[in-house]
Amino acid sequence: MTAVVLGALPSDTLTPEGPERYTVTAALSRRPDPLEVESIHDPATQRRLEEAGFGQAGLLIADRRLLISGTNLQELRNGLASVVGTIVRAASLKAMAQKELARQAMADLSEAEHERLLRVAEAAAAIDFGG
């Protein structure tokens, strides 16, 4: 996350007439991977927010933005931003680990298939049609 998107805040933010809670939009430095989005949207994320004392807040990824609902700038400054940052970092690390496991599984499968093809070629070469 790079910064709060000021233009996405309610126009009456920090005024007596302004809402107590609203959605704060944070810009993301890159488009999130589908695995990261899945992790952020997982119910476990809401539980983590609740455990940290911010159960009224919610997280939603929309393109290159993170929508932090049910909060305000003061709450973010007073600890929620740190919790959200930890959640986003954990989602990124989890996605990287899942990709690496998938890559390794493909490499293992490719190697196993290569070895199988060598055994097939050996078996075929051992056949003598010479009578």
C-alpha atoms as a PDB file:
ATOM      1  CA  MET A   1       0.000   0.000   0.000  1.00  0.00           C
ATOM      2  CA  THR A   2       1.324   3.378  -0.868  1.00  0.00           C
ATOM      3  CA  ALA A   3      -1.073   5.958   0.598  1.00  0.00           C
ATOM      4  CA  VAL A   4      -4.629   6.911   1.416  1.00  0.00           C
ATOM      5  CA  VAL A   5      -6.518   8.100  -1.666  1.00  0.00           C
ATOM      6  CA  LEU A   6      -7.629  11.534  -0.468  1.00  0.00           C
ATOM      7  CA  GLY A   7     -10.152  12.027  -3.254  1.00  0.00           C
ATOM      8  CA  ALA A   8     -12.015   8.895  -2.169  1.00  0.00           C
ATOM      9  CA  LEU A   9     -12.678  10.183   1.360  1.00  0.00           C
ATOM     10  CA  PRO A  10     -16.098  11.674   2.138  1.00  0.00           C
ATOM     11  CA  SER A  11     -16.088  15.396   1.406  1.00  0.00           C
ATOM     12  CA  ASP A  12     -17.062  16.169   5.002  1.00  0.00           C
ATOM     13  CA  THR A  13     -14.299  14.105   6.612  1.00  0.00           C
ATOM     14  CA  LEU A  14     -13.084  15.578   9.930  1.00  0.00           C
ATOM     15  CA  THR A  15     -15.982  18.024  10.176  1.00  0.00           C
ATOM     16  CA  PRO A  16     -18.686  17.984  12.859  1.00  0.00           C
ATOM     17  CA  GLU A  17     -21.189  16.938  10.180  1.00  0.00           C
ATOM     18  CA  GLY A  18     -18.970  14.192   8.787  1.00  0.00           C
ATOM     19  CA  PRO A  19     -19.568  10.498   9.349  1.00  0.00           C
ATOM     20  CA  GLU A  20     -17.930   8.790  12.305  1.00  0.00           C
ATOM     21  CA  ARG A  21     -17.009   5.769  10.172  1.00  0.00           C
ATOM     22  CA  TYR A  22     -16.512   5.499   6.448  1.00  0.00           C
ATOM     23  CA  THR A  23     -14.492   3.657   3.829  1.00  0.00           C
ATOM     24  CA  VAL A  24     -10.868   4.658   3.489  1.00  0.00           C
ATOM     25  CA  THR A  25      -9.258   3.737   0.195  1.00  0.00           C
ATOM     26  CA  ALA A  26      -5.559   2.855   0.124  1.00  0.00           C
ATOM     27  CA  ALA A  27      -3.658   2.744  -3.156  1.00  0.00           C
ATOM     28  CA  LEU A  28      -1.744  -0.461  -3.824  1.00  0.00           C
ATOM     29  CA  SER A  29       1.700  -0.333  -5.407  1.00  0.00           C
ATOM     30  CA  ARG A  30       0.755  -3.073  -7.884  1.00  0.00           C
ATOM     31  CA  ARG A  31      -2.178  -5.137  -9.026  1.00  0.00           C
ATOM     32  CA  PRO A  32      -2.666  -7.917  -6.469  1.00  0.00           C
ATOM     33  CA  ASP A  33      -2.314 -11.533  -7.475  1.00  0.00           C
ATOM     34  CA  PRO A  34      -5.575 -13.547  -7.423  1.00  0.00           C
ATOM     35  CA  LEU A  35      -4.187 -15.614  -4.537  1.00  0.00           C
ATOM     36  CA  GLU A  36      -3.610 -12.406  -2.546  1.00  0.00           C
ATOM     37  CA  VAL A  37      -7.144 -11.234  -3.271  1.00  0.00           C
ATOM     38  CA  GLU A  38      -8.509 -14.606  -2.188  1.00  0.00           C
ATOM     39  CA  SER A  39      -6.556 -14.406   1.057  1.00  0.00           C
ATOM     40  CA  ILE A  40      -7.701 -10.847   1.844  1.00  0.00           C
ATOM     41  CA  HIS A  41     -11.335 -11.744   1.119  1.00  0.00           C
ATOM     42  CA  ASP A  42     -11.140 -14.898   3.254  1.00  0.00           C
ATOM     43  CA  PRO A  43     -13.270 -14.896   6.454  1.00  0.00           C
ATOM     44  CA  ALA A  44     -10.036 -15.402   8.431  1.00  0.00           C
ATOM     45  CA  THR A  45      -9.129 -11.798   7.615  1.00  0.00           C
ATOM     46  CA  GLN A  46     -12.237 -10.538   9.391  1.00  0.00           C
ATOM     47  CA  ARG A  47     -11.383 -12.712  12.394  1.00  0.00           C
ATOM     48  CA  ARG A  48      -7.884 -11.178  12.508  1.00  0.00           C
ATOM     49  CA  LEU A  49      -9.400  -7.692  12.483  1.00  0.00           C
ATOM     50  CA  GLU A  50     -11.770  -8.703  15.291  1.00  0.00           C
ATOM     51  CA  GLU A  51      -8.945 -10.220  17.349  1.00  0.00           C
ATOM     52  CA  ALA A  52      -6.989  -6.980  16.977  1.00  0.00           C
ATOM     53  CA  GLY A  53      -9.961  -4.978  18.256  1.00  0.00           C
ATOM     54  CA  PHE A  54     -11.091  -3.645  14.871  1.00  0.00           C
ATOM     55  CA  GLY A  55     -14.037  -5.954  14.172  1.00  0.00           C
ATOM     56  CA  GLN A  56     -16.161  -3.148  12.730  1.00  0.00           C
ATOM     57  CA  ALA A  57     -13.664  -2.706   9.871  1.00  0.00           C
ATOM     58  CA  GLY A  58     -13.576  -4.771   6.706  1.00  0.00           C
ATOM     59  CA  LEU A  59     -11.160  -5.211   3.802  1.00  0.00           C
ATOM     60  CA  LEU A  60     -11.950  -5.497   0.124  1.00  0.00           C
ATOM     61  CA  ILE A  61      -9.618  -5.331  -2.854  1.00  0.00           C
ATOM     62  CA  ALA A  62     -10.867  -3.474  -5.904  1.00  0.00           C
ATOM     63  CA  ASP A  63      -8.363  -3.381  -8.756  1.00  0.00           C
ATOM     64  CA  ARG A  64      -5.266  -1.582  -7.374  1.00  0.00           C
ATOM     65  CA  ARG A  65      -7.023  -0.295  -4.287  1.00  0.00           C
ATOM     66  CA  LEU A  66      -7.689  -1.664  -0.840  1.00  0.00           C
ATOM     67  CA  LEU A  67     -11.020  -0.529   0.563  1.00  0.00           C
ATOM     68  CA  ILE A  68     -10.987  -0.378   4.344  1.00  0.00           C
ATOM     69  CA  SER A  69     -14.621  -0.056   5.364  1.00  0.00           C
ATOM     70  CA  GLY A  70     -16.161   0.846   8.693  1.00  0.00           C
ATOM     71  CA  THR A  71     -13.255   2.927   9.935  1.00  0.00           C
ATOM     72  CA  ASN A  72     -11.814   6.444   9.946  1.00  0.00           C
ATOM     73  CA  LEU A  73      -8.450   8.173   9.661  1.00  0.00           C
ATOM     74  CA  GLN A  74      -7.934   8.349  13.408  1.00  0.00           C
ATOM     75  CA  GLU A  75      -8.510   4.638  13.882  1.00  0.00           C
ATOM     76  CA  LEU A  76      -6.088   3.852  11.082  1.00  0.00           C
ATOM     77  CA  ARG A  77      -3.471   6.118  12.634  1.00  0.00           C
ATOM     78  CA  ASN A  78      -4.063   4.550  16.059  1.00  0.00           C
ATOM     79  CA  GLY A  79      -3.216   0.991  15.058  1.00  0.00           C
ATOM     80  CA  LEU A  80      -5.538  -0.296  12.357  1.00  0.00           C
ATOM     81  CA  ALA A  81      -3.103   0.653   9.581  1.00  0.00           C
ATOM     82  CA  SER A  82      -0.447  -1.546  11.170  1.00  0.00           C
ATOM     83  CA  VAL A  83      -2.873  -4.469  11.448  1.00  0.00           C
ATOM     84  CA  VAL A  84      -3.964  -4.008   7.832  1.00  0.00           C
ATOM     85  CA  GLY A  85      -0.329  -3.844   6.708  1.00  0.00           C
ATOM     86  CA  THR A  86       0.402  -7.097   8.523  1.00  0.00           C
ATOM     87  CA  ILE A  87      -2.629  -8.761   6.923  1.00  0.00           C
ATOM     88  CA  VAL A  88      -1.630  -7.600   3.428  1.00  0.00           C
ATOM     89  CA  ARG A  89       1.998  -8.710   3.909  1.00  0.00           C
ATOM     90  CA  ALA A  90       0.836 -12.113   5.171  1.00  0.00           C
ATOM     91  CA  ALA A  91      -1.447 -12.476   2.124  1.00  0.00           C
ATOM     92  CA  SER A  92       1.481 -11.671  -0.180  1.00  0.00           C
ATOM     93  CA  LEU A  93       3.792 -14.140   1.564  1.00  0.00           C
ATOM     94  CA  LYS A  94       1.122 -16.842   1.492  1.00  0.00           C
ATOM     95  CA  ALA A  95       0.569 -16.269  -2.242  1.00  0.00           C
ATOM     96  CA  MET A  96       4.315 -16.438  -2.915  1.00  0.00           C
ATOM     97  CA  ALA A  97       4.574 -19.691  -0.956  1.00  0.00           C
ATOM     98  CA  GLN A  98       1.618 -21.203  -2.828  1.00  0.00           C
ATOM     99  CA  LYS A  99       3.155 -20.229  -6.178  1.00  0.00           C
ATOM    100  CA  GLU A 100       6.493 -21.747  -5.185  1.00  0.00           C
ATOM    101  CA  LEU A 101       4.808 -24.990  -4.119  1.00  0.00           C
ATOM    102  CA  ALA A 102       2.940 -25.121  -7.424  1.00  0.00           C
ATOM    103  CA  ARG A 103       6.146 -24.401  -9.346  1.00  0.00           C
ATOM    104  CA  GLN A 104       7.980 -27.148  -7.459  1.00  0.00           C
ATOM    105  CA  ALA A 105       5.131 -29.597  -8.028  1.00  0.00           C
ATOM    106  CA  MET A 106       5.258 -28.850 -11.762  1.00  0.00           C
ATOM    107  CA  ALA A 107       9.039 -29.304 -11.782  1.00  0.00           C
ATOM    108  CA  ASP A 108       8.695 -32.622  -9.940  1.00  0.00           C
ATOM    109  CA  LEU A 109       5.975 -33.737 -12.319  1.00  0.00           C
ATOM    110  CA  SER A 110       8.058 -32.697 -15.322  1.00  0.00           C
ATOM    111  CA  GLU A 111      11.065 -34.586 -13.988  1.00  0.00           C
ATOM    112  CA  ALA A 112       8.961 -37.683 -13.284  1.00  0.00           C
ATOM    113  CA  GLU A 113       7.487 -37.510 -16.791  1.00  0.00           C
ATOM    114  CA  HIS A 114      10.974 -37.150 -18.301  1.00  0.00           C
ATOM    115  CA  GLU A 115      12.181 -40.218 -16.378  1.00  0.00           C
ATOM    116  CA  ARG A 116       9.096 -42.166 -17.489  1.00  0.00           C
ATOM    117  CA  LEU A 117       9.761 -41.266 -21.120  1.00  0.00           C
ATOM    118  CA  LEU A 118      13.374 -42.463 -20.763  1.00  0.00           C
ATOM    119  CA  ARG A 119      12.130 -45.803 -19.371  1.00  0.00           C
ATOM    120  CA  VAL A 120       9.647 -46.117 -22.262  1.00  0.00           C
ATOM    121  CA  ALA A 121      12.429 -45.372 -24.761  1.00  0.00           C
ATOM    122  CA  GLU A 122      14.708 -47.969 -23.116  1.00  0.00           C
ATOM    123  CA  ALA A 123      11.955 -50.563 -23.130  1.00  0.00           C
ATOM    124  CA  ALA A 124      11.146 -49.842 -26.760  1.00  0.00           C
ATOM    125  CA  ALA A 125      14.834 -49.978 -27.733  1.00  0.00           C
ATOM    126  CA  ALA A 126      15.177 -53.397 -26.094  1.00  0.00           C
ATOM    127  CA  ILE A 127      12.640 -54.909 -28.466  1.00  0.00           C
ATOM    128  CA  ASP A 128      14.275 -56.851 -31.310  1.00  0.00           C
ATOM    129  CA  PHE A 129      12.243 -57.480 -34.418  1.00  0.00           C
ATOM    130  CA  GLY A 130      15.151 -59.288 -36.054  1.00  0.00           C
ATOM    131  CA  GLY A 131      13.724 -62.753 -35.706  1.00  0.00           C
END
